[in-house]
Amino acid sequence: MAHESSLDVLINLSQDKVDDAGRLLAQLSTQRREAQGQLNTLDGYRSDYTQRLQDTTENGVTASNYHNFRHFIATLDEAISQQNRIIAQIDTRIEIGRQQWHDEKRRLNSYETLRSRQLRQLQTREQRREQRSSDEAAANLYRRLRQSH
């Protein structure tokens, strides 16, 4: 019985690790969606300001205003680059997290397979024991019946 108990402890610990890995993946997925939303917002700002710059230059713009637009667009470009790096880092963490979840799930499945095998072996032993008892009872009954005749 101690074997079963320790196996159950391993299964519970492994299940906890699978759950933790799943929660981490969910958090990373949320971070990824938020980061992508921020990137989309930055891309939208860049498009708007690029269009404003184009509209302004068609109507004539001072050098100072042109420089301010270009500087702001360059700042947006840097923010977009940084956001892309953040997304790439999150994607890497997601991939590592997926692998970790798969590893933990595989380990849990192994423990559960061991437990199933152990239960089958116990059932087989119990069935054999019951069969021996039944055979012994039948043999005893047969002997008693033969002796009484």
C-alpha atoms as a PDB file:
ATOM      1  CA  MET A   1       0.000   0.000   0.000  1.00  0.00           C
ATOM      2  CA  ALA A   2       2.896   2.377   0.675  1.00  0.00           C
ATOM      3  CA  HIS A   3       3.816   2.076  -2.996  1.00  0.00           C
ATOM      4  CA  GLU A   4       0.377   3.219  -4.074  1.00  0.00           C
ATOM      5  CA  SER A   5       0.486   6.059  -1.596  1.00  0.00           C
ATOM      6  CA  SER A   6       3.840   7.364  -2.808  1.00  0.00           C
ATOM      7  CA  LEU A   7       2.691   7.018  -6.424  1.00  0.00           C
ATOM      8  CA  ASP A   8      -0.426   9.028  -5.608  1.00  0.00           C
ATOM      9  CA  VAL A   9       1.777  11.723  -4.059  1.00  0.00           C
ATOM     10  CA  LEU A  10       3.874  11.819  -7.241  1.00  0.00           C
ATOM     11  CA  ILE A  11       0.733  12.043  -9.360  1.00  0.00           C
ATOM     12  CA  ASN A  12      -0.630  14.904  -7.256  1.00  0.00           C
ATOM     13  CA  LEU A  13       2.679  16.787  -7.396  1.00  0.00           C
ATOM     14  CA  SER A  14       2.913  16.214 -11.110  1.00  0.00           C
ATOM     15  CA  GLN A  15      -0.670  17.403 -11.619  1.00  0.00           C
ATOM     16  CA  ASP A  16       0.184  20.561  -9.676  1.00  0.00           C
ATOM     17  CA  LYS A  17       3.155  21.164 -11.968  1.00  0.00           C
ATOM     18  CA  VAL A  18       0.978  20.655 -15.052  1.00  0.00           C
ATOM     19  CA  ASP A  19      -1.557  23.117 -13.630  1.00  0.00           C
ATOM     20  CA  ASP A  20       1.172  25.653 -12.813  1.00  0.00           C
ATOM     21  CA  ALA A  21       2.626  25.352 -16.311  1.00  0.00           C
ATOM     22  CA  GLY A  22      -0.851  25.830 -17.766  1.00  0.00           C
ATOM     23  CA  ARG A  23      -1.438  28.946 -15.676  1.00  0.00           C
ATOM     24  CA  LEU A  24       1.928  30.346 -16.773  1.00  0.00           C
ATOM     25  CA  LEU A  25       1.007  29.739 -20.412  1.00  0.00           C
ATOM     26  CA  ALA A  26      -2.307  31.522 -19.897  1.00  0.00           C
ATOM     27  CA  GLN A  27      -0.516  34.504 -18.328  1.00  0.00           C
ATOM     28  CA  LEU A  28       2.007  34.621 -21.151  1.00  0.00           C
ATOM     29  CA  SER A  29      -0.772  34.418 -23.700  1.00  0.00           C
ATOM     30  CA  THR A  30      -2.490  37.376 -22.028  1.00  0.00           C
ATOM     31  CA  GLN A  31       0.790  39.315 -22.032  1.00  0.00           C
ATOM     32  CA  ARG A  32       1.232  38.478 -25.710  1.00  0.00           C
ATOM     33  CA  ARG A  33      -2.251  39.756 -26.592  1.00  0.00           C
ATOM     34  CA  GLU A  34      -1.673  42.961 -24.612  1.00  0.00           C
ATOM     35  CA  ALA A  35       1.736  43.516 -26.212  1.00  0.00           C
ATOM     36  CA  GLN A  36       0.254  42.916 -29.664  1.00  0.00           C
ATOM     37  CA  GLY A  37      -2.508  45.425 -28.856  1.00  0.00           C
ATOM     38  CA  GLN A  38       0.106  47.999 -27.876  1.00  0.00           C
ATOM     39  CA  LEU A  39       2.012  47.314 -31.088  1.00  0.00           C
ATOM     40  CA  ASN A  40      -1.157  47.750 -33.126  1.00  0.00           C
ATOM     41  CA  THR A  41      -1.803  51.074 -31.372  1.00  0.00           C
ATOM     42  CA  LEU A  42       1.739  52.255 -32.087  1.00  0.00           C
ATOM     43  CA  ASP A  43       1.407  51.198 -35.733  1.00  0.00           C
ATOM     44  CA  GLY A  44      -1.844  53.156 -35.920  1.00  0.00           C
ATOM     45  CA  TYR A  45      -0.209  56.265 -34.466  1.00  0.00           C
ATOM     46  CA  ARG A  46       2.653  55.955 -36.926  1.00  0.00           C
ATOM     47  CA  SER A  47       0.275  55.661 -39.862  1.00  0.00           C
ATOM     48  CA  ASP A  48      -1.730  58.675 -38.646  1.00  0.00           C
ATOM     49  CA  TYR A  49       1.359  60.820 -38.153  1.00  0.00           C
ATOM     50  CA  THR A  50       2.853  59.742 -41.467  1.00  0.00           C
ATOM     51  CA  GLN A  51      -0.414  60.743 -43.161  1.00  0.00           C
ATOM     52  CA  ARG A  52      -0.457  64.055 -41.265  1.00  0.00           C
ATOM     53  CA  LEU A  53       3.115  64.735 -42.354  1.00  0.00           C
ATOM     54  CA  GLN A  54       2.211  64.012 -45.957  1.00  0.00           C
ATOM     55  CA  ASP A  55      -0.889  66.237 -45.783  1.00  0.00           C
ATOM     56  CA  THR A  56       1.093  69.016 -44.091  1.00  0.00           C
ATOM     57  CA  THR A  57       3.946  68.900 -46.618  1.00  0.00           C
ATOM     58  CA  GLU A  58       1.457  69.165 -49.504  1.00  0.00           C
ATOM     59  CA  ASN A  59       0.150  72.407 -47.988  1.00  0.00           C
ATOM     60  CA  GLY A  60       3.592  73.675 -47.071  1.00  0.00           C
ATOM     61  CA  VAL A  61       5.345  73.143 -43.775  1.00  0.00           C
ATOM     62  CA  THR A  62       8.050  74.982 -41.908  1.00  0.00           C
ATOM     63  CA  ALA A  63      11.372  73.264 -41.411  1.00  0.00           C
ATOM     64  CA  SER A  64      10.782  73.228 -37.671  1.00  0.00           C
ATOM     65  CA  ASN A  65       7.383  71.502 -37.988  1.00  0.00           C
ATOM     66  CA  TYR A  66       8.806  69.054 -40.516  1.00  0.00           C
ATOM     67  CA  HIS A  67      11.651  68.234 -38.131  1.00  0.00           C
ATOM     68  CA  ASN A  68       9.176  67.761 -35.229  1.00  0.00           C
ATOM     69  CA  PHE A  69       7.045  65.380 -37.300  1.00  0.00           C
ATOM     70  CA  ARG A  70      10.082  63.379 -38.430  1.00  0.00           C
ATOM     71  CA  HIS A  71      11.440  63.261 -34.863  1.00  0.00           C
ATOM     72  CA  PHE A  72       8.096  62.066 -33.492  1.00  0.00           C
ATOM     73  CA  ILE A  73       7.795  59.408 -36.233  1.00  0.00           C
ATOM     74  CA  ALA A  74      11.357  58.257 -35.463  1.00  0.00           C
ATOM     75  CA  THR A  75      10.380  57.997 -31.789  1.00  0.00           C
ATOM     76  CA  LEU A  76       7.349  55.912 -32.786  1.00  0.00           C
ATOM     77  CA  ASP A  77       9.601  53.721 -34.965  1.00  0.00           C
ATOM     78  CA  GLU A  78      11.862  53.084 -31.970  1.00  0.00           C
ATOM     79  CA  ALA A  79       8.842  52.294 -29.768  1.00  0.00           C
ATOM     80  CA  ILE A  80       7.558  49.895 -32.451  1.00  0.00           C
ATOM     81  CA  SER A  81      10.957  48.194 -32.628  1.00  0.00           C
ATOM     82  CA  GLN A  82      11.059  47.860 -28.861  1.00  0.00           C
ATOM     83  CA  GLN A  83       7.518  46.469 -28.815  1.00  0.00           C
ATOM     84  CA  ASN A  84       8.474  43.924 -31.484  1.00  0.00           C
ATOM     85  CA  ARG A  85      11.416  42.836 -29.311  1.00  0.00           C
ATOM     86  CA  ILE A  86       9.080  42.468 -26.321  1.00  0.00           C
ATOM     87  CA  ILE A  87       6.707  40.332 -28.381  1.00  0.00           C
ATOM     88  CA  ALA A  88       9.608  38.180 -29.588  1.00  0.00           C
ATOM     89  CA  GLN A  89      10.721  37.665 -25.971  1.00  0.00           C
ATOM     90  CA  ILE A  90       7.194  36.708 -24.938  1.00  0.00           C
ATOM     91  CA  ASP A  91       6.966  34.314 -27.900  1.00  0.00           C
ATOM     92  CA  THR A  92      10.195  32.657 -26.756  1.00  0.00           C
ATOM     93  CA  ARG A  93       8.852  32.348 -23.219  1.00  0.00           C
ATOM     94  CA  ILE A  94       5.598  30.901 -24.577  1.00  0.00           C
ATOM     95  CA  GLU A  95       7.493  28.267 -26.552  1.00  0.00           C
ATOM     96  CA  ILE A  96       9.557  27.346 -23.488  1.00  0.00           C
ATOM     97  CA  GLY A  97       6.362  27.264 -21.421  1.00  0.00           C
ATOM     98  CA  ARG A  98       4.664  24.978 -23.937  1.00  0.00           C
ATOM     99  CA  GLN A  99       7.598  22.602 -23.856  1.00  0.00           C
ATOM    100  CA  GLN A 100       7.580  22.650 -20.078  1.00  0.00           C
ATOM    101  CA  TRP A 101       3.835  21.941 -20.011  1.00  0.00           C
ATOM    102  CA  HIS A 102       4.285  19.032 -22.448  1.00  0.00           C
ATOM    103  CA  ASP A 103       7.134  17.618 -20.359  1.00  0.00           C
ATOM    104  CA  GLU A 104       5.093  17.827 -17.157  1.00  0.00           C
ATOM    105  CA  LYS A 105       2.050  16.342 -18.885  1.00  0.00           C
ATOM    106  CA  ARG A 106       4.144  13.456 -20.219  1.00  0.00           C
ATOM    107  CA  ARG A 107       5.506  12.824 -16.709  1.00  0.00           C
ATOM    108  CA  LEU A 108       1.968  12.890 -15.268  1.00  0.00           C
ATOM    109  CA  ASN A 109       0.783  10.453 -17.946  1.00  0.00           C
ATOM    110  CA  SER A 110       3.669   8.131 -17.076  1.00  0.00           C
ATOM    111  CA  TYR A 111       2.746   8.126 -13.405  1.00  0.00           C
ATOM    112  CA  GLU A 112      -0.899   7.531 -14.236  1.00  0.00           C
ATOM    113  CA  THR A 113       0.087   4.654 -16.502  1.00  0.00           C
ATOM    114  CA  LEU A 114       2.105   3.167 -13.660  1.00  0.00           C
ATOM    115  CA  ARG A 115      -0.854   3.513 -11.335  1.00  0.00           C
ATOM    116  CA  SER A 116      -3.171   1.849 -13.873  1.00  0.00           C
ATOM    117  CA  ARG A 117      -0.693  -0.989 -14.334  1.00  0.00           C
ATOM    118  CA  GLN A 118      -0.390  -1.352 -10.578  1.00  0.00           C
ATOM    119  CA  LEU A 119      -4.181  -1.471 -10.190  1.00  0.00           C
ATOM    120  CA  ARG A 120      -4.462  -4.109 -12.940  1.00  0.00           C
ATOM    121  CA  GLN A 121      -1.813  -6.201 -11.197  1.00  0.00           C
ATOM    122  CA  LEU A 122      -3.667  -5.922  -7.894  1.00  0.00           C
ATOM    123  CA  GLN A 123      -6.920  -6.902  -9.589  1.00  0.00           C
ATOM    124  CA  THR A 124      -5.250  -9.869 -11.274  1.00  0.00           C
ATOM    125  CA  ARG A 125      -3.790 -11.032  -7.957  1.00  0.00           C
ATOM    126  CA  GLU A 126      -7.177 -10.627  -6.278  1.00  0.00           C
ATOM    127  CA  GLN A 127      -8.899 -12.563  -9.049  1.00  0.00           C
ATOM    128  CA  ARG A 128      -6.320 -15.358  -8.768  1.00  0.00           C
ATOM    129  CA  ARG A 129      -6.753 -15.438  -4.999  1.00  0.00           C
ATOM    130  CA  GLU A 130     -10.527 -15.623  -5.387  1.00  0.00           C
ATOM    131  CA  GLN A 131     -10.154 -18.330  -8.028  1.00  0.00           C
ATOM    132  CA  ARG A 132      -7.862 -20.367  -5.730  1.00  0.00           C
ATOM    133  CA  SER A 133     -10.345 -19.977  -2.879  1.00  0.00           C
ATOM    134  CA  SER A 134     -13.181 -21.007  -5.160  1.00  0.00           C
ATOM    135  CA  ASP A 135     -11.197 -23.968  -6.525  1.00  0.00           C
ATOM    136  CA  GLU A 136     -10.230 -24.993  -2.998  1.00  0.00           C
ATOM    137  CA  ALA A 137     -13.845 -24.764  -1.817  1.00  0.00           C
ATOM    138  CA  ALA A 138     -14.989 -26.802  -4.824  1.00  0.00           C
ATOM    139  CA  ALA A 139     -12.252 -29.390  -4.209  1.00  0.00           C
ATOM    140  CA  ASN A 140     -13.204 -29.626  -0.515  1.00  0.00           C
ATOM    141  CA  LEU A 141     -16.846 -30.033  -1.421  1.00  0.00           C
ATOM    142  CA  TYR A 142     -15.970 -32.696  -3.981  1.00  0.00           C
ATOM    143  CA  ARG A 143     -13.877 -34.612  -1.420  1.00  0.00           C
ATOM    144  CA  ARG A 144     -16.630 -34.414   1.175  1.00  0.00           C
ATOM    145  CA  LEU A 145     -19.174 -35.616  -1.323  1.00  0.00           C
ATOM    146  CA  ARG A 146     -16.921 -38.522  -2.379  1.00  0.00           C
ATOM    147  CA  GLN A 147     -16.220 -39.484   1.206  1.00  0.00           C
ATOM    148  CA  SER A 148     -19.884 -39.463   2.107  1.00  0.00           C
ATOM    149  CA  HIS A 149     -20.731 -41.830  -0.729  1.00  0.00           C
END
